[in-house]
Amino acid sequence: MSMTGTGLAQESGTIKLPPPETEGGMPLMQALKARHSVRELDSKLLPPQVLSNLLWAASGVNRPASGQRTAPSAHDWREIDVVVTIAEGAYRYDPPTHTLIRVAAGDIRPLTGVQDFVAAAPVNLVYVADLERMNEASADDKAFYSATDAGFIAQNVYLYCAAAGLAAVVRGLVDRDALGTALGLGRHRRIILAQSVGYPAGRAR
């Protein structure tokens, strides 16, 4: 069936995204010049293809033979999960299958940040570290490397958004306890950052 308003087909809580478009786009230096944080977002939904491209850019598989991704990961731990919150629910992005797997029903976008605008942003990405994947690392190293790896993903999102004419802003002000409860996170999973994405207010297309 189709999810209301998204155009995405959902079967048993799993959404198969269209294949990402990995050719063309804005030259890197132009994207770097255009990259900036925007907090004024239009509520217009992102089309399925744009969401697919966004998530692949964030942390998609770019080397199928090894499963390695567009964002680097210390020790190849791949400990950061990208959780996508939209009006219909929250979904974990699964890079190997390029699918979204539902982790929470209902609209929990307001829990992804303390600023008013996050509740209406069409997409809020939440970067969650699974510390159990970071084999034998010390607590300090887990905190350092998970934050670093989340930062790489957030920058990929910024650059894709700059190239695609989207607005984005990364955020650290999150009620991690409330959001973690809504997402059903265990003690070994830590929310690092959130990032809002949408069309710039007044320039939706």
N, C-alpha and C. Protein backbone atom coordinates (compact mmCIF):
# COMPACT_ATOMS: atom_id res chain seq x y z
N MET A 1 0.84 -1.18 0.00
CA MET A 1 0.00 0.00 0.00
C MET A 1 0.88 1.24 0.00
N SER A 2 0.28 2.39 -0.29
CA SER A 2 1.04 3.64 -0.29
C SER A 2 0.87 4.36 1.03
N MET A 3 1.95 4.94 1.53
CA MET A 3 1.87 5.76 2.73
C MET A 3 1.23 7.08 2.36
N THR A 4 0.37 7.56 3.22
CA THR A 4 -0.37 8.79 2.94
C THR A 4 0.59 9.94 2.65
N GLY A 5 0.43 10.52 1.45
CA GLY A 5 1.15 11.75 1.12
C GLY A 5 2.59 11.60 0.70
N THR A 6 3.19 10.40 0.86
CA THR A 6 4.61 10.28 0.55
C THR A 6 4.88 9.69 -0.81
N GLY A 7 3.95 8.92 -1.34
CA GLY A 7 4.20 8.23 -2.59
C GLY A 7 5.11 7.03 -2.44
N LEU A 8 5.42 6.64 -1.20
CA LEU A 8 6.29 5.50 -0.95
C LEU A 8 5.45 4.26 -0.66
N ALA A 9 5.80 3.15 -1.27
CA ALA A 9 5.09 1.90 -1.03
C ALA A 9 5.63 1.23 0.22
N GLN A 10 4.72 0.75 1.06
CA GLN A 10 5.11 0.14 2.32
C GLN A 10 4.50 -1.25 2.43
N GLU A 11 5.33 -2.20 2.81
CA GLU A 11 4.87 -3.57 3.05
C GLU A 11 5.38 -3.99 4.41
N SER A 12 4.46 -4.28 5.33
CA SER A 12 4.81 -4.79 6.66
C SER A 12 5.85 -3.92 7.36
N GLY A 13 5.68 -2.61 7.25
CA GLY A 13 6.59 -1.71 7.95
C GLY A 13 7.91 -1.48 7.25
N THR A 14 8.09 -2.01 6.06
CA THR A 14 9.33 -1.82 5.30
C THR A 14 9.02 -1.05 4.02
N ILE A 15 9.80 -0.01 3.75
CA ILE A 15 9.63 0.80 2.56
C ILE A 15 10.82 0.58 1.64
N LYS A 16 10.57 0.14 0.43
CA LYS A 16 11.63 -0.01 -0.56
C LYS A 16 11.78 1.32 -1.29
N LEU A 17 12.93 1.92 -1.17
CA LEU A 17 13.20 3.19 -1.83
C LEU A 17 13.55 2.97 -3.30
N PRO A 18 13.22 3.94 -4.16
CA PRO A 18 13.68 3.82 -5.55
C PRO A 18 15.20 3.87 -5.61
N PRO A 19 15.81 3.27 -6.62
CA PRO A 19 17.28 3.32 -6.72
C PRO A 19 17.77 4.77 -6.73
N PRO A 20 18.89 5.04 -6.05
CA PRO A 20 19.39 6.42 -6.03
C PRO A 20 19.93 6.84 -7.38
N GLU A 21 19.81 8.12 -7.67
CA GLU A 21 20.41 8.69 -8.86
C GLU A 21 21.85 9.10 -8.52
N THR A 22 22.81 8.42 -9.09
CA THR A 22 24.20 8.64 -8.71
C THR A 22 25.03 9.26 -9.82
N GLU A 23 24.38 9.75 -10.85
CA GLU A 23 25.08 10.42 -11.95
C GLU A 23 24.69 11.90 -11.98
N GLY A 24 25.60 12.73 -12.47
CA GLY A 24 25.30 14.14 -12.64
C GLY A 24 25.30 14.90 -11.32
N GLY A 25 24.56 15.98 -11.28
CA GLY A 25 24.50 16.80 -10.08
C GLY A 25 25.45 17.98 -10.15
N MET A 26 25.42 18.78 -9.10
CA MET A 26 26.24 19.98 -9.03
C MET A 26 27.70 19.63 -8.79
N PRO A 27 28.65 20.30 -9.43
CA PRO A 27 30.06 20.08 -9.13
C PRO A 27 30.35 20.32 -7.65
N LEU A 28 31.30 19.56 -7.12
CA LEU A 28 31.59 19.60 -5.68
C LEU A 28 31.93 21.00 -5.20
N MET A 29 32.75 21.73 -5.92
CA MET A 29 33.15 23.05 -5.43
C MET A 29 31.98 24.00 -5.36
N GLN A 30 31.03 23.87 -6.28
CA GLN A 30 29.84 24.70 -6.22
C GLN A 30 28.97 24.32 -5.02
N ALA A 31 28.88 23.00 -4.73
CA ALA A 31 28.10 22.55 -3.57
C ALA A 31 28.72 23.07 -2.28
N LEU A 32 30.03 23.04 -2.20
CA LEU A 32 30.71 23.57 -1.01
C LEU A 32 30.44 25.07 -0.85
N LYS A 33 30.45 25.77 -1.96
CA LYS A 33 30.18 27.22 -1.91
C LYS A 33 28.75 27.49 -1.46
N ALA A 34 27.82 26.61 -1.85
CA ALA A 34 26.40 26.82 -1.54
C ALA A 34 26.00 26.29 -0.16
N ARG A 35 26.83 25.45 0.45
CA ARG A 35 26.44 24.81 1.70
C ARG A 35 26.26 25.81 2.84
N HIS A 36 25.11 25.78 3.50
CA HIS A 36 24.88 26.60 4.68
C HIS A 36 23.68 26.04 5.45
N SER A 37 23.55 26.43 6.71
CA SER A 37 22.44 25.97 7.54
C SER A 37 21.22 26.85 7.33
N VAL A 38 20.06 26.22 7.21
CA VAL A 38 18.79 26.93 7.02
C VAL A 38 17.77 26.35 8.00
N ARG A 39 17.14 27.23 8.77
CA ARG A 39 16.14 26.80 9.75
C ARG A 39 14.71 27.09 9.31
N GLU A 40 14.55 27.83 8.22
CA GLU A 40 13.22 28.15 7.71
C GLU A 40 12.89 27.17 6.59
N LEU A 41 12.12 26.14 6.94
CA LEU A 41 11.82 25.06 5.99
C LEU A 41 10.35 25.08 5.61
N ASP A 42 10.08 24.78 4.34
CA ASP A 42 8.71 24.59 3.89
C ASP A 42 8.25 23.20 4.33
N SER A 43 6.95 23.03 4.54
CA SER A 43 6.43 21.73 4.98
C SER A 43 6.19 20.77 3.82
N LYS A 44 6.43 21.21 2.59
CA LYS A 44 6.24 20.36 1.42
C LYS A 44 7.04 19.07 1.56
N LEU A 45 6.40 17.93 1.25
CA LEU A 45 7.07 16.64 1.36
C LEU A 45 8.15 16.48 0.31
N LEU A 46 9.18 15.71 0.64
CA LEU A 46 10.20 15.37 -0.33
C LEU A 46 9.70 14.23 -1.20
N PRO A 47 9.82 14.32 -2.52
CA PRO A 47 9.44 13.20 -3.38
C PRO A 47 10.26 11.96 -3.05
N PRO A 48 9.73 10.77 -3.33
CA PRO A 48 10.47 9.53 -3.03
C PRO A 48 11.88 9.50 -3.62
N GLN A 49 12.03 9.99 -4.85
CA GLN A 49 13.36 9.95 -5.47
C GLN A 49 14.34 10.84 -4.72
N VAL A 50 13.89 12.00 -4.29
CA VAL A 50 14.76 12.91 -3.55
C VAL A 50 15.15 12.30 -2.20
N LEU A 51 14.19 11.67 -1.52
CA LEU A 51 14.50 11.01 -0.25
C LEU A 51 15.50 9.88 -0.46
N SER A 52 15.31 9.12 -1.53
CA SER A 52 16.24 8.05 -1.86
C SER A 52 17.65 8.59 -2.07
N ASN A 53 17.77 9.63 -2.87
CA ASN A 53 19.08 10.23 -3.14
C ASN A 53 19.71 10.76 -1.86
N LEU A 54 18.90 11.42 -1.05
CA LEU A 54 19.38 12.00 0.21
C LEU A 54 19.98 10.94 1.11
N LEU A 55 19.28 9.82 1.28
CA LEU A 55 19.75 8.78 2.20
C LEU A 55 20.96 8.06 1.64
N TRP A 56 20.98 7.86 0.34
CA TRP A 56 22.18 7.24 -0.25
C TRP A 56 23.39 8.15 -0.06
N ALA A 57 23.20 9.44 -0.28
CA ALA A 57 24.29 10.38 -0.07
C ALA A 57 24.75 10.37 1.39
N ALA A 58 23.82 10.25 2.29
CA ALA A 58 24.13 10.27 3.73
C ALA A 58 25.03 9.11 4.12
N SER A 59 24.60 7.90 3.77
CA SER A 59 25.34 6.72 4.24
C SER A 59 25.02 5.49 3.41
N GLY A 60 24.83 5.70 2.11
CA GLY A 60 24.50 4.57 1.25
C GLY A 60 25.72 3.76 0.86
N VAL A 61 25.48 2.59 0.33
CA VAL A 61 26.56 1.71 -0.12
C VAL A 61 27.06 2.19 -1.48
N ASN A 62 28.33 2.58 -1.55
CA ASN A 62 28.91 3.03 -2.82
C ASN A 62 29.94 2.04 -3.36
N ARG A 63 30.21 0.97 -2.61
CA ARG A 63 31.10 -0.10 -3.05
C ARG A 63 30.43 -1.43 -2.72
N PRO A 64 29.56 -1.91 -3.60
CA PRO A 64 28.76 -3.09 -3.30
C PRO A 64 29.57 -4.33 -2.92
N ALA A 65 30.75 -4.50 -3.49
CA ALA A 65 31.54 -5.70 -3.21
C ALA A 65 31.90 -5.81 -1.74
N SER A 66 32.14 -4.66 -1.09
CA SER A 66 32.54 -4.67 0.32
C SER A 66 31.44 -4.18 1.25
N GLY A 67 30.41 -3.55 0.67
CA GLY A 67 29.35 -2.97 1.50
C GLY A 67 29.73 -1.64 2.11
N GLN A 68 30.88 -1.10 1.74
CA GLN A 68 31.32 0.16 2.33
C GLN A 68 30.53 1.33 1.74
N ARG A 69 30.58 2.45 2.44
CA ARG A 69 29.57 3.49 2.26
C ARG A 69 30.14 4.84 1.85
N THR A 70 29.22 5.75 1.58
CA THR A 70 29.59 7.09 1.16
C THR A 70 30.25 7.89 2.27
N ALA A 71 30.00 7.54 3.53
CA ALA A 71 30.62 8.22 4.67
C ALA A 71 31.62 7.28 5.33
N PRO A 72 32.80 7.77 5.70
CA PRO A 72 33.77 6.91 6.36
C PRO A 72 33.32 6.51 7.75
N SER A 73 33.87 5.41 8.23
CA SER A 73 33.54 4.91 9.57
C SER A 73 34.80 4.36 10.20
N ALA A 74 35.13 4.82 11.40
CA ALA A 74 36.34 4.36 12.09
C ALA A 74 36.30 2.84 12.25
N HIS A 75 37.40 2.20 11.89
CA HIS A 75 37.53 0.74 12.00
C HIS A 75 36.46 -0.01 11.20
N ASP A 76 35.78 0.69 10.30
CA ASP A 76 34.68 0.11 9.54
C ASP A 76 33.61 -0.48 10.48
N TRP A 77 33.39 0.20 11.61
CA TRP A 77 32.38 -0.27 12.56
C TRP A 77 30.96 -0.11 12.02
N ARG A 78 30.75 0.92 11.21
CA ARG A 78 29.41 1.21 10.67
C ARG A 78 28.39 1.28 11.81
N GLU A 79 28.77 2.01 12.85
CA GLU A 79 27.96 2.05 14.08
C GLU A 79 26.83 3.07 14.04
N ILE A 80 26.83 3.96 13.06
CA ILE A 80 25.80 5.00 13.02
C ILE A 80 24.62 4.54 12.18
N ASP A 81 23.45 4.52 12.80
CA ASP A 81 22.20 4.29 12.08
C ASP A 81 21.55 5.64 11.79
N VAL A 82 21.04 5.79 10.57
CA VAL A 82 20.29 6.98 10.20
C VAL A 82 18.81 6.65 10.38
N VAL A 83 18.16 7.34 11.31
CA VAL A 83 16.73 7.15 11.57
C VAL A 83 15.99 8.32 10.93
N VAL A 84 15.03 8.00 10.08
CA VAL A 84 14.28 8.99 9.32
C VAL A 84 12.93 9.18 10.00
N THR A 85 12.64 10.40 10.47
CA THR A 85 11.33 10.67 11.06
C THR A 85 10.54 11.55 10.11
N ILE A 86 9.37 11.05 9.75
CA ILE A 86 8.42 11.76 8.89
C ILE A 86 7.07 11.73 9.58
N ALA A 87 6.08 12.33 8.98
CA ALA A 87 4.77 12.43 9.63
C ALA A 87 4.18 11.07 9.97
N GLU A 88 4.46 10.06 9.12
CA GLU A 88 3.86 8.75 9.32
C GLU A 88 4.56 7.88 10.36
N GLY A 89 5.78 8.24 10.75
CA GLY A 89 6.50 7.41 11.71
C GLY A 89 7.99 7.61 11.62
N ALA A 90 8.72 6.71 12.28
CA ALA A 90 10.18 6.74 12.28
C ALA A 90 10.69 5.44 11.67
N TYR A 91 11.72 5.57 10.83
CA TYR A 91 12.23 4.43 10.07
C TYR A 91 13.75 4.42 10.12
N ARG A 92 14.32 3.24 10.29
CA ARG A 92 15.77 3.09 10.21
C ARG A 92 16.16 2.81 8.77
N TYR A 93 17.10 3.60 8.26
CA TYR A 93 17.61 3.38 6.91
C TYR A 93 18.57 2.20 6.93
N ASP A 94 18.33 1.23 6.06
CA ASP A 94 19.19 0.05 5.94
C ASP A 94 19.98 0.18 4.64
N PRO A 95 21.25 0.59 4.70
CA PRO A 95 22.01 0.83 3.48
C PRO A 95 22.15 -0.38 2.56
N PRO A 96 22.43 -1.60 3.07
CA PRO A 96 22.63 -2.72 2.13
C PRO A 96 21.42 -3.00 1.24
N THR A 97 20.21 -2.80 1.76
CA THR A 97 19.02 -3.07 0.97
C THR A 97 18.36 -1.80 0.45
N HIS A 98 18.88 -0.64 0.85
CA HIS A 98 18.32 0.67 0.47
C HIS A 98 16.82 0.70 0.77
N THR A 99 16.49 0.33 1.99
CA THR A 99 15.10 0.32 2.45
C THR A 99 14.99 1.07 3.77
N LEU A 100 13.75 1.41 4.11
CA LEU A 100 13.43 1.99 5.41
C LEU A 100 12.64 0.95 6.20
N ILE A 101 13.04 0.76 7.45
CA ILE A 101 12.42 -0.23 8.32
C ILE A 101 11.79 0.51 9.50
N ARG A 102 10.49 0.37 9.68
CA ARG A 102 9.80 1.14 10.70
C ARG A 102 10.25 0.74 12.10
N VAL A 103 10.54 1.76 12.91
CA VAL A 103 10.92 1.54 14.30
C VAL A 103 9.93 2.18 15.27
N ALA A 104 9.09 3.09 14.78
CA ALA A 104 8.09 3.72 15.65
C ALA A 104 6.96 4.25 14.76
N ALA A 105 5.73 4.06 15.22
CA ALA A 105 4.56 4.58 14.50
C ALA A 105 4.22 5.96 15.02
N GLY A 106 3.51 6.73 14.20
CA GLY A 106 3.06 8.05 14.63
C GLY A 106 4.11 9.12 14.37
N ASP A 107 3.68 10.35 14.51
CA ASP A 107 4.52 11.51 14.22
C ASP A 107 5.32 11.91 15.45
N ILE A 108 6.60 11.57 15.47
CA ILE A 108 7.45 11.94 16.61
C ILE A 108 8.45 13.03 16.22
N ARG A 109 8.20 13.69 15.10
CA ARG A 109 9.12 14.76 14.68
C ARG A 109 9.34 15.81 15.78
N PRO A 110 8.29 16.20 16.55
CA PRO A 110 8.54 17.22 17.59
C PRO A 110 9.57 16.79 18.64
N LEU A 111 9.79 15.48 18.78
CA LEU A 111 10.75 15.01 19.77
C LEU A 111 12.19 15.06 19.28
N THR A 112 12.37 15.36 17.99
CA THR A 112 13.73 15.32 17.44
C THR A 112 14.51 16.61 17.66
N GLY A 113 13.93 17.57 18.38
CA GLY A 113 14.64 18.80 18.69
C GLY A 113 13.80 19.71 19.55
N VAL A 114 14.43 20.71 20.12
CA VAL A 114 13.72 21.62 21.01
C VAL A 114 13.23 22.87 20.30
N GLN A 115 13.70 23.11 19.06
CA GLN A 115 13.26 24.28 18.33
C GLN A 115 11.90 24.02 17.70
N ASP A 116 11.08 25.08 17.58
CA ASP A 116 9.72 24.92 17.07
C ASP A 116 9.68 24.38 15.64
N PHE A 117 10.64 24.76 14.81
CA PHE A 117 10.54 24.43 13.38
C PHE A 117 10.67 22.94 13.09
N VAL A 118 11.24 22.16 14.02
CA VAL A 118 11.49 20.75 13.71
C VAL A 118 10.20 19.96 13.56
N ALA A 119 9.14 20.38 14.25
CA ALA A 119 7.88 19.63 14.20
C ALA A 119 7.25 19.66 12.82
N ALA A 120 7.52 20.71 12.05
CA ALA A 120 6.92 20.84 10.72
C ALA A 120 7.89 20.50 9.60
N ALA A 121 9.16 20.28 9.92
CA ALA A 121 10.11 19.90 8.87
C ALA A 121 9.67 18.57 8.26
N PRO A 122 9.65 18.46 6.94
CA PRO A 122 9.17 17.21 6.34
C PRO A 122 10.00 15.99 6.72
N VAL A 123 11.30 16.19 6.94
CA VAL A 123 12.19 15.08 7.31
C VAL A 123 13.12 15.56 8.41
N ASN A 124 13.19 14.78 9.48
CA ASN A 124 14.22 14.97 10.49
C ASN A 124 15.02 13.68 10.58
N LEU A 125 16.30 13.77 10.31
CA LEU A 125 17.19 12.63 10.42
C LEU A 125 17.79 12.61 11.82
N VAL A 126 17.86 11.42 12.41
CA VAL A 126 18.45 11.25 13.73
C VAL A 126 19.60 10.26 13.59
N TYR A 127 20.78 10.64 14.07
CA TYR A 127 21.96 9.79 13.95
C TYR A 127 22.19 9.08 15.29
N VAL A 128 22.03 7.77 15.24
CA VAL A 128 22.06 6.94 16.45
C VAL A 128 23.27 6.01 16.38
N ALA A 129 24.10 6.03 17.41
CA ALA A 129 25.27 5.16 17.48
C ALA A 129 24.92 3.89 18.23
N ASP A 130 25.20 2.75 17.63
CA ASP A 130 25.08 1.46 18.30
C ASP A 130 26.46 1.12 18.85
N LEU A 131 26.65 1.37 20.14
CA LEU A 131 27.98 1.24 20.74
C LEU A 131 28.46 -0.20 20.80
N GLU A 132 27.55 -1.16 20.70
CA GLU A 132 27.95 -2.57 20.74
C GLU A 132 28.71 -2.97 19.47
N ARG A 133 28.57 -2.20 18.41
CA ARG A 133 29.30 -2.52 17.18
C ARG A 133 30.76 -2.07 17.26
N MET A 134 31.09 -1.27 18.26
CA MET A 134 32.43 -0.69 18.36
C MET A 134 33.29 -1.61 19.24
N ASN A 135 33.70 -2.71 18.65
CA ASN A 135 34.33 -3.80 19.38
C ASN A 135 35.52 -3.35 20.21
N GLU A 136 35.45 -3.61 21.51
CA GLU A 136 36.56 -3.42 22.45
C GLU A 136 37.09 -2.00 22.53
N ALA A 137 36.35 -1.03 22.03
CA ALA A 137 36.78 0.36 22.17
C ALA A 137 36.50 0.84 23.59
N SER A 138 37.31 1.77 24.07
CA SER A 138 37.07 2.36 25.38
C SER A 138 35.86 3.28 25.30
N ALA A 139 35.34 3.64 26.46
CA ALA A 139 34.19 4.55 26.50
C ALA A 139 34.53 5.88 25.84
N ASP A 140 35.74 6.39 26.07
CA ASP A 140 36.14 7.65 25.46
C ASP A 140 36.22 7.52 23.94
N ASP A 141 36.78 6.42 23.47
CA ASP A 141 36.88 6.23 22.02
C ASP A 141 35.50 6.06 21.40
N LYS A 142 34.59 5.38 22.07
CA LYS A 142 33.24 5.23 21.54
C LYS A 142 32.58 6.60 21.38
N ALA A 143 32.73 7.44 22.39
CA ALA A 143 32.14 8.78 22.31
C ALA A 143 32.78 9.60 21.21
N PHE A 144 34.10 9.55 21.11
CA PHE A 144 34.81 10.36 20.11
C PHE A 144 34.50 9.90 18.70
N TYR A 145 34.66 8.61 18.43
CA TYR A 145 34.52 8.13 17.06
C TYR A 145 33.08 8.13 16.59
N SER A 146 32.13 7.86 17.47
CA SER A 146 30.73 7.90 17.04
C SER A 146 30.31 9.32 16.69
N ALA A 147 30.80 10.30 17.45
CA ALA A 147 30.49 11.69 17.12
C ALA A 147 31.14 12.09 15.80
N THR A 148 32.38 11.67 15.60
CA THR A 148 33.08 11.97 14.34
C THR A 148 32.37 11.35 13.15
N ASP A 149 31.99 10.08 13.28
CA ASP A 149 31.34 9.39 12.17
C ASP A 149 29.97 9.98 11.86
N ALA A 150 29.24 10.40 12.88
CA ALA A 150 27.96 11.08 12.64
C ALA A 150 28.18 12.40 11.92
N GLY A 151 29.26 13.08 12.25
CA GLY A 151 29.58 14.34 11.57
C GLY A 151 29.85 14.15 10.09
N PHE A 152 30.51 13.06 9.74
CA PHE A 152 30.75 12.79 8.32
C PHE A 152 29.42 12.63 7.58
N ILE A 153 28.49 11.89 8.17
CA ILE A 153 27.19 11.67 7.53
C ILE A 153 26.44 12.99 7.40
N ALA A 154 26.44 13.79 8.46
CA ALA A 154 25.75 15.08 8.42
C ALA A 154 26.31 15.97 7.33
N GLN A 155 27.62 15.95 7.13
CA GLN A 155 28.20 16.78 6.07
C GLN A 155 27.80 16.25 4.69
N ASN A 156 27.74 14.94 4.53
CA ASN A 156 27.24 14.40 3.25
C ASN A 156 25.84 14.92 2.96
N VAL A 157 25.00 14.95 4.00
CA VAL A 157 23.63 15.45 3.84
C VAL A 157 23.66 16.92 3.44
N TYR A 158 24.48 17.71 4.12
CA TYR A 158 24.59 19.12 3.78
C TYR A 158 24.98 19.32 2.31
N LEU A 159 25.94 18.55 1.85
CA LEU A 159 26.41 18.73 0.48
C LEU A 159 25.36 18.29 -0.53
N TYR A 160 24.68 17.18 -0.24
CA TYR A 160 23.60 16.78 -1.15
C TYR A 160 22.52 17.86 -1.18
N CYS A 161 22.15 18.37 -0.02
CA CYS A 161 21.10 19.39 0.03
C CYS A 161 21.52 20.64 -0.72
N ALA A 162 22.77 21.05 -0.59
CA ALA A 162 23.25 22.21 -1.33
C ALA A 162 23.14 21.97 -2.82
N ALA A 163 23.49 20.78 -3.27
CA ALA A 163 23.46 20.47 -4.69
C ALA A 163 22.04 20.34 -5.22
N ALA A 164 21.11 19.88 -4.36
CA ALA A 164 19.74 19.62 -4.80
C ALA A 164 18.78 20.78 -4.53
N GLY A 165 19.28 21.88 -3.99
CA GLY A 165 18.42 23.02 -3.71
C GLY A 165 17.55 22.84 -2.49
N LEU A 166 17.97 21.98 -1.57
CA LEU A 166 17.24 21.74 -0.34
C LEU A 166 17.85 22.54 0.81
N ALA A 167 17.07 22.73 1.86
CA ALA A 167 17.53 23.39 3.07
C ALA A 167 17.82 22.33 4.12
N ALA A 168 18.84 22.57 4.93
CA ALA A 168 19.20 21.61 5.98
C ALA A 168 19.85 22.35 7.14
N VAL A 169 19.70 21.77 8.32
CA VAL A 169 20.41 22.28 9.49
C VAL A 169 20.65 21.11 10.45
N VAL A 170 21.88 20.99 10.92
CA VAL A 170 22.21 19.95 11.89
C VAL A 170 22.01 20.50 13.28
N ARG A 171 21.57 19.63 14.20
CA ARG A 171 21.19 20.11 15.53
C ARG A 171 21.69 19.16 16.62
N GLY A 172 22.17 19.76 17.70
CA GLY A 172 22.58 18.97 18.86
C GLY A 172 21.63 19.07 20.02
N LEU A 173 20.72 20.08 19.98
CA LEU A 173 19.78 20.26 21.08
C LEU A 173 18.60 19.31 20.90
N VAL A 174 18.69 18.17 21.57
CA VAL A 174 17.68 17.11 21.48
C VAL A 174 17.43 16.57 22.88
N ASP A 175 16.17 16.34 23.23
CA ASP A 175 15.86 15.64 24.47
C ASP A 175 16.10 14.16 24.22
N ARG A 176 17.32 13.72 24.47
CA ARG A 176 17.73 12.37 24.11
C ARG A 176 16.95 11.29 24.86
N ASP A 177 16.57 11.57 26.09
CA ASP A 177 15.81 10.57 26.86
C ASP A 177 14.42 10.37 26.25
N ALA A 178 13.73 11.47 25.96
CA ALA A 178 12.38 11.37 25.41
C ALA A 178 12.40 10.75 24.01
N LEU A 179 13.32 11.20 23.17
CA LEU A 179 13.40 10.66 21.82
C LEU A 179 13.85 9.21 21.85
N GLY A 180 14.80 8.89 22.70
CA GLY A 180 15.27 7.51 22.81
C GLY A 180 14.15 6.56 23.23
N THR A 181 13.29 7.03 24.14
CA THR A 181 12.16 6.21 24.56
C THR A 181 11.19 6.00 23.40
N ALA A 182 10.90 7.06 22.66
CA ALA A 182 9.98 6.96 21.52
C ALA A 182 10.52 6.02 20.45
N LEU A 183 11.83 5.98 20.29
CA LEU A 183 12.45 5.12 19.28
C LEU A 183 12.74 3.72 19.80
N GLY A 184 12.52 3.50 21.08
CA GLY A 184 12.77 2.19 21.67
C GLY A 184 14.24 1.83 21.74
N LEU A 185 15.09 2.82 21.97
CA LEU A 185 16.53 2.57 22.00
C LEU A 185 16.94 1.91 23.31
N GLY A 186 17.82 0.94 23.24
CA GLY A 186 18.38 0.34 24.44
C GLY A 186 19.52 1.19 24.97
N ARG A 187 20.08 0.76 26.08
CA ARG A 187 21.13 1.54 26.74
C ARG A 187 22.40 1.62 25.91
N HIS A 188 22.61 0.68 25.02
CA HIS A 188 23.83 0.67 24.22
C HIS A 188 23.71 1.52 22.97
N ARG A 189 22.56 2.17 22.76
CA ARG A 189 22.37 3.00 21.57
C ARG A 189 22.23 4.46 22.00
N ARG A 190 23.00 5.33 21.37
CA ARG A 190 23.10 6.73 21.80
C ARG A 190 22.76 7.67 20.64
N ILE A 191 21.87 8.62 20.91
CA ILE A 191 21.56 9.65 19.92
C ILE A 191 22.69 10.67 19.89
N ILE A 192 23.27 10.88 18.71
CA ILE A 192 24.39 11.81 18.59
C ILE A 192 23.91 13.18 18.12
N LEU A 193 23.27 13.24 16.97
CA LEU A 193 22.82 14.49 16.36
C LEU A 193 21.49 14.27 15.66
N ALA A 194 20.84 15.37 15.32
CA ALA A 194 19.67 15.34 14.44
C ALA A 194 19.89 16.37 13.34
N GLN A 195 19.17 16.19 12.23
CA GLN A 195 19.33 17.11 11.10
C GLN A 195 18.00 17.24 10.38
N SER A 196 17.53 18.47 10.24
CA SER A 196 16.26 18.74 9.56
C SER A 196 16.53 19.02 8.09
N VAL A 197 15.65 18.50 7.23
CA VAL A 197 15.81 18.66 5.79
C VAL A 197 14.45 18.98 5.17
N GLY A 198 14.45 19.91 4.22
CA GLY A 198 13.22 20.24 3.48
C GLY A 198 13.55 21.24 2.40
N TYR A 199 12.51 21.71 1.73
CA TYR A 199 12.70 22.80 0.79
C TYR A 199 12.80 24.12 1.56
N PRO A 200 13.54 25.08 1.06
CA PRO A 200 13.61 26.38 1.73
C PRO A 200 12.22 27.02 1.78
N ALA A 201 11.89 27.62 2.88
CA ALA A 201 10.58 28.29 3.02
C ALA A 201 10.43 29.33 1.93
N GLY A 202 9.25 29.32 1.31
CA GLY A 202 8.98 30.29 0.26
C GLY A 202 9.51 29.92 -1.10
N ARG A 203 10.23 28.79 -1.18
CA ARG A 203 10.79 28.39 -2.48
C ARG A 203 10.49 26.94 -2.78
N ALA A 204 9.42 26.40 -2.21
CA ALA A 204 9.07 25.01 -2.47
C ALA A 204 8.74 24.82 -3.94
N ARG A 205 9.01 23.62 -4.43
CA ARG A 205 8.76 23.36 -5.85
C ARG A 205 8.15 21.99 -6.02
